[in-house]
C-alpha atoms as a PDB file:
ATOM      1  CA  MET A   1      20.562   7.751  10.485  1.00  0.00           C
ATOM      2  CA  ASP A   2      18.334   5.113   9.012  1.00  0.00           C
ATOM      3  CA  TYR A   3      15.015   5.776   7.324  1.00  0.00           C
ATOM      4  CA  ILE A   4      12.640   4.046   4.935  1.00  0.00           C
ATOM      5  CA  ILE A   5      10.345   5.525   2.309  1.00  0.00           C
ATOM      6  CA  GLU A   6       6.702   4.390   2.425  1.00  0.00           C
ATOM      7  CA  ARG A   7       3.652   5.231   0.354  1.00  0.00           C
ATOM      8  CA  ILE A   8       0.934   6.846   2.454  1.00  0.00           C
ATOM      9  CA  THR A   9      -2.198   4.716   2.695  1.00  0.00           C
ATOM     10  CA  ALA A  10      -5.277   4.643   4.910  1.00  0.00           C
ATOM     11  CA  GLU A  11      -3.356   2.365   7.300  1.00  0.00           C
ATOM     12  CA  ASN A  12      -0.467   4.760   7.959  1.00  0.00           C
ATOM     13  CA  TYR A  13      -2.220   8.078   7.338  1.00  0.00           C
ATOM     14  CA  HIS A  14      -2.367   8.846  11.077  1.00  0.00           C
ATOM     15  CA  LEU A  15       1.441   9.071  11.172  1.00  0.00           C
ATOM     16  CA  PHE A  16       1.389  11.346   8.136  1.00  0.00           C
ATOM     17  CA  GLU A  17      -1.165  13.595   9.840  1.00  0.00           C
ATOM     18  CA  ASP A  18       1.131  13.784  12.895  1.00  0.00           C
ATOM     19  CA  MET A  19       3.976  14.956  10.645  1.00  0.00           C
ATOM     20  CA  VAL A  20       1.801  17.613   9.013  1.00  0.00           C
ATOM     21  CA  TYR A  21       0.906  18.823  12.517  1.00  0.00           C
ATOM     22  CA  TRP A  22       4.635  18.903  13.359  1.00  0.00           C
ATOM     23  CA  ARG A  23       5.365  20.963  10.240  1.00  0.00           C
ATOM     24  CA  GLY A  24       2.572  23.418  10.947  1.00  0.00           C
ATOM     25  CA  THR A  25       3.210  23.949  14.649  1.00  0.00           C
ATOM     26  CA  GLY A  26       6.887  23.114  15.060  1.00  0.00           C
ATOM     27  CA  THR A  27       5.878  20.713  17.835  1.00  0.00           C
ATOM     28  CA  GLU A  28       5.730  16.943  17.710  1.00  0.00           C
ATOM     29  CA  ARG A  29       2.703  15.253  19.189  1.00  0.00           C
ATOM     30  CA  MET A  30       2.099  11.758  20.465  1.00  0.00           C
ATOM     31  CA  PRO A  31       1.185   9.351  17.684  1.00  0.00           C
ATOM     32  CA  SER A  32      -2.506   9.572  16.935  1.00  0.00           C
ATOM     33  CA  THR A  33      -4.786   6.763  15.863  1.00  0.00           C
ATOM     34  CA  GLY A  34      -8.130   6.492  14.167  1.00  0.00           C
ATOM     35  CA  THR A  35      -7.948   9.762  12.247  1.00  0.00           C
ATOM     36  CA  ASN A  36     -10.265  10.437   9.346  1.00  0.00           C
ATOM     37  CA  VAL A  37      -8.555   9.562   6.090  1.00  0.00           C
ATOM     38  CA  PRO A  38      -9.328  12.128   3.380  1.00  0.00           C
ATOM     39  CA  GLU A  39     -11.048  10.746   0.289  1.00  0.00           C
ATOM     40  CA  GLU A  40      -8.406  12.411  -1.902  1.00  0.00           C
ATOM     41  CA  LEU A  41      -5.930   9.769  -0.754  1.00  0.00           C
ATOM     42  CA  ALA A  42      -7.847   7.248  -2.902  1.00  0.00           C
ATOM     43  CA  ASP A  43      -7.323   9.310  -6.077  1.00  0.00           C
ATOM     44  CA  PRO A  44      -5.449   7.034  -8.517  1.00  0.00           C
ATOM     45  CA  ASN A  45      -3.316   9.945  -9.765  1.00  0.00           C
ATOM     46  CA  LEU A  46      -2.140  11.052  -6.300  1.00  0.00           C
ATOM     47  CA  TYR A  47       1.013   9.515  -4.856  1.00  0.00           C
ATOM     48  CA  VAL A  48       2.211  10.557  -1.397  1.00  0.00           C
ATOM     49  CA  TYR A  49       5.389   9.072   0.070  1.00  0.00           C
ATOM     50  CA  ALA A  50       6.960   9.724   3.456  1.00  0.00           C
ATOM     51  CA  ALA A  51      10.329   9.022   5.037  1.00  0.00           C
ATOM     52  CA  LYS A  52      10.010   7.100   8.303  1.00  0.00           C
ATOM     53  CA  ALA A  53      12.707   7.245  10.976  1.00  0.00           C
ATOM     54  CA  ASP A  54      12.497   6.343  14.643  1.00  0.00           C
ATOM     55  CA  GLY A  55       8.842   5.313  14.287  1.00  0.00           C
ATOM     56  CA  ARG A  56       7.633   8.627  12.861  1.00  0.00           C
ATOM     57  CA  TYR A  57       7.552  10.393   9.519  1.00  0.00           C
ATOM     58  CA  VAL A  58      10.171  13.099   9.065  1.00  0.00           C
ATOM     59  CA  GLY A  59       9.556  14.170   5.471  1.00  0.00           C
ATOM     60  CA  TRP A  60       7.239  13.714   2.522  1.00  0.00           C
ATOM     61  CA  ILE A  61       6.685  14.218  -1.162  1.00  0.00           C
ATOM     62  CA  SER A  62       3.328  14.648  -2.839  1.00  0.00           C
ATOM     63  CA  LEU A  63       3.223  13.688  -6.523  1.00  0.00           C
ATOM     64  CA  VAL A  64       0.412  14.051  -9.024  1.00  0.00           C
ATOM     65  CA  TYR A  65       0.188  12.357 -12.399  1.00  0.00           C
ATOM     66  CA  LEU A  66      -1.506  14.588 -14.936  1.00  0.00           C
ATOM     67  CA  PRO A  67      -2.286  12.671 -18.130  1.00  0.00           C
ATOM     68  CA  LYS A  68      -2.204  14.349 -21.537  1.00  0.00           C
ATOM     69  CA  ILE A  69      -4.470  13.669 -24.466  1.00  0.00           C
ATOM     70  CA  SER A  70      -1.870  13.358 -27.192  1.00  0.00           C
ATOM     71  CA  ARG A  71      -0.540  10.832 -29.642  1.00  0.00           C
ATOM     72  CA  VAL A  72       2.992  12.090 -29.170  1.00  0.00           C
ATOM     73  CA  LYS A  73       3.404  12.673 -25.426  1.00  0.00           C
ATOM     74  CA  LYS A  74       2.219  10.940 -22.314  1.00  0.00           C
ATOM     75  CA  GLY A  75       1.389  12.888 -19.186  1.00  0.00           C
ATOM     76  CA  TYR A  76       3.741  14.350 -16.615  1.00  0.00           C
ATOM     77  CA  VAL A  77       4.430  13.622 -12.972  1.00  0.00           C
ATOM     78  CA  TYR A  78       4.284  16.867 -10.994  1.00  0.00           C
ATOM     79  CA  VAL A  79       6.011  17.404  -7.663  1.00  0.00           C
ATOM     80  CA  ASP A  80       3.351  19.217  -5.683  1.00  0.00           C
ATOM     81  CA  GLU A  81       5.135  19.431  -2.358  1.00  0.00           C
ATOM     82  CA  LEU A  82       8.368  18.265  -0.760  1.00  0.00           C
ATOM     83  CA  TRP A  83       9.304  18.805   2.871  1.00  0.00           C
ATOM     84  CA  VAL A  84      11.830  17.344   5.315  1.00  0.00           C
ATOM     85  CA  GLN A  85      11.897  18.238   9.016  1.00  0.00           C
ATOM     86  CA  GLU A  86      14.813  20.564   9.705  1.00  0.00           C
ATOM     87  CA  ASN A  87      16.754  18.181  11.988  1.00  0.00           C
ATOM     88  CA  TRP A  88      16.615  15.497   9.283  1.00  0.00           C
ATOM     89  CA  ARG A  89      17.829  17.617   6.366  1.00  0.00           C
ATOM     90  CA  ARG A  90      21.116  16.995   4.562  1.00  0.00           C
ATOM     91  CA  GLN A  91      20.883  13.237   5.111  1.00  0.00           C
ATOM     92  CA  GLY A  92      19.675  12.215   1.658  1.00  0.00           C
ATOM     93  CA  ILE A  93      15.978  12.070   2.516  1.00  0.00           C
ATOM     94  CA  ALA A  94      14.847  14.742   0.036  1.00  0.00           C
ATOM     95  CA  THR A  95      16.907  13.112  -2.716  1.00  0.00           C
ATOM     96  CA  ALA A  96      15.405   9.700  -1.883  1.00  0.00           C
ATOM     97  CA  LEU A  97      11.916  11.204  -2.007  1.00  0.00           C
ATOM     98  CA  MET A  98      12.694  12.849  -5.362  1.00  0.00           C
ATOM     99  CA  LEU A  99      13.823   9.455  -6.642  1.00  0.00           C
ATOM    100  CA  LYS A 100      10.216   8.317  -6.095  1.00  0.00           C
ATOM    101  CA  ALA A 101       9.170  10.888  -8.718  1.00  0.00           C
ATOM    102  CA  ASP A 102      11.643   9.413 -11.201  1.00  0.00           C
ATOM    103  CA  ARG A 103      10.484   5.867 -10.500  1.00  0.00           C
ATOM    104  CA  LEU A 104       6.834   6.888 -10.825  1.00  0.00           C
ATOM    105  CA  LYS A 105       7.617   8.515 -14.187  1.00  0.00           C
ATOM    106  CA  GLU A 106       9.107   5.230 -15.376  1.00  0.00           C
ATOM    107  CA  LYS A 107       6.254   3.126 -13.960  1.00  0.00           C
ATOM    108  CA  LEU A 108       3.607   5.278 -15.654  1.00  0.00           C
ATOM    109  CA  ASN A 109       5.650   5.720 -18.840  1.00  0.00           C
ATOM    110  CA  ALA A 110       5.205   9.472 -18.392  1.00  0.00           C
ATOM    111  CA  THR A 111       7.006  12.037 -20.523  1.00  0.00           C
ATOM    112  CA  GLY A 112       8.806  13.647 -17.603  1.00  0.00           C
ATOM    113  CA  VAL A 113       8.732  15.138 -14.112  1.00  0.00           C
ATOM    114  CA  ARG A 114       7.877  18.795 -13.590  1.00  0.00           C
ATOM    115  CA  LEU A 115       7.969  21.109 -10.593  1.00  0.00           C
ATOM    116  CA  TYR A 116       7.944  24.728  -9.547  1.00  0.00           C
ATOM    117  CA  VAL A 117      10.482  26.097  -7.104  1.00  0.00           C
ATOM    118  CA  ASN A 118      10.252  29.378  -5.230  1.00  0.00           C
ATOM    119  CA  ILE A 119      13.051  31.679  -6.368  1.00  0.00           C
ATOM    120  CA  ASN A 120      13.431  32.729  -2.731  1.00  0.00           C
ATOM    121  CA  ASN A 121      14.398  29.164  -1.769  1.00  0.00           C
ATOM    122  CA  PRO A 122      17.910  28.624  -3.171  1.00  0.00           C
ATOM    123  CA  GLY A 123      18.389  25.452  -1.095  1.00  0.00           C
ATOM    124  CA  ALA A 124      15.444  23.782  -2.807  1.00  0.00           C
ATOM    125  CA  LYS A 125      16.632  24.956  -6.225  1.00  0.00           C
ATOM    126  CA  LYS A 126      20.064  23.438  -5.538  1.00  0.00           C
ATOM    127  CA  LEU A 127      18.457  20.144  -4.452  1.00  0.00           C
ATOM    128  CA  TYR A 128      16.436  19.952  -7.664  1.00  0.00           C
ATOM    129  CA  GLU A 129      19.488  20.796  -9.780  1.00  0.00           C
ATOM    130  CA  ASN A 130      21.397  18.008  -8.014  1.00  0.00           C
ATOM    131  CA  CYS A 131      18.500  15.679  -8.924  1.00  0.00           C
ATOM    132  CA  GLY A 132      18.974  16.516 -12.610  1.00  0.00           C
ATOM    133  CA  PHE A 133      16.400  19.282 -13.087  1.00  0.00           C
ATOM    134  CA  ILE A 134      17.219  22.269 -15.254  1.00  0.00           C
ATOM    135  CA  THR A 135      15.560  25.642 -15.621  1.00  0.00           C
ATOM    136  CA  ASP A 136      13.498  25.416 -18.782  1.00  0.00           C
ATOM    137  CA  GLY A 137      11.999  28.792 -19.555  1.00  0.00           C
ATOM    138  CA  THR A 138      10.529  31.280 -17.159  1.00  0.00           C
ATOM    139  CA  ALA A 139       7.240  30.868 -15.356  1.00  0.00           C
ATOM    140  CA  GLU A 140       5.296  32.883 -12.870  1.00  0.00           C
ATOM    141  CA  PHE A 141       3.199  31.086 -10.316  1.00  0.00           C
ATOM    142  CA  MET A 142      -0.326  32.447 -10.035  1.00  0.00           C
ATOM    143  CA  GLU A 143      -3.111  31.354  -7.758  1.00  0.00           C
ATOM    144  CA  LYS A 144      -6.747  32.242  -7.208  1.00  0.00           C
END
């Protein structure tokens, strides 16, 4: 199955919003138009890419560049979220989206790419290992 990876912009955000709806409800909806584009999309350190197949988005990756104030290291690209619709999994889409993180690291001359993976999601952990990530220490995710 063919797909292309596109950066999400104000022009194609409506298709992205349809995919987020699909993820949240499990139901596809007719393509929407004229949706309100969130101002966060204009943040220069936010990079959102989506995989497009059959005229709709079927997966996405959200990346954030977090600069460091250091003479030795540059900032890091963080994978905030990665998702591929279930029927489109195991077709290389997640790996292609992860490649965007690597390319962004190179483009920004960042030190590396970082992410957190839920220990209860062995499929995601395997994907990240296949993309060259290694477990480096132990971390506990906390949120307020």
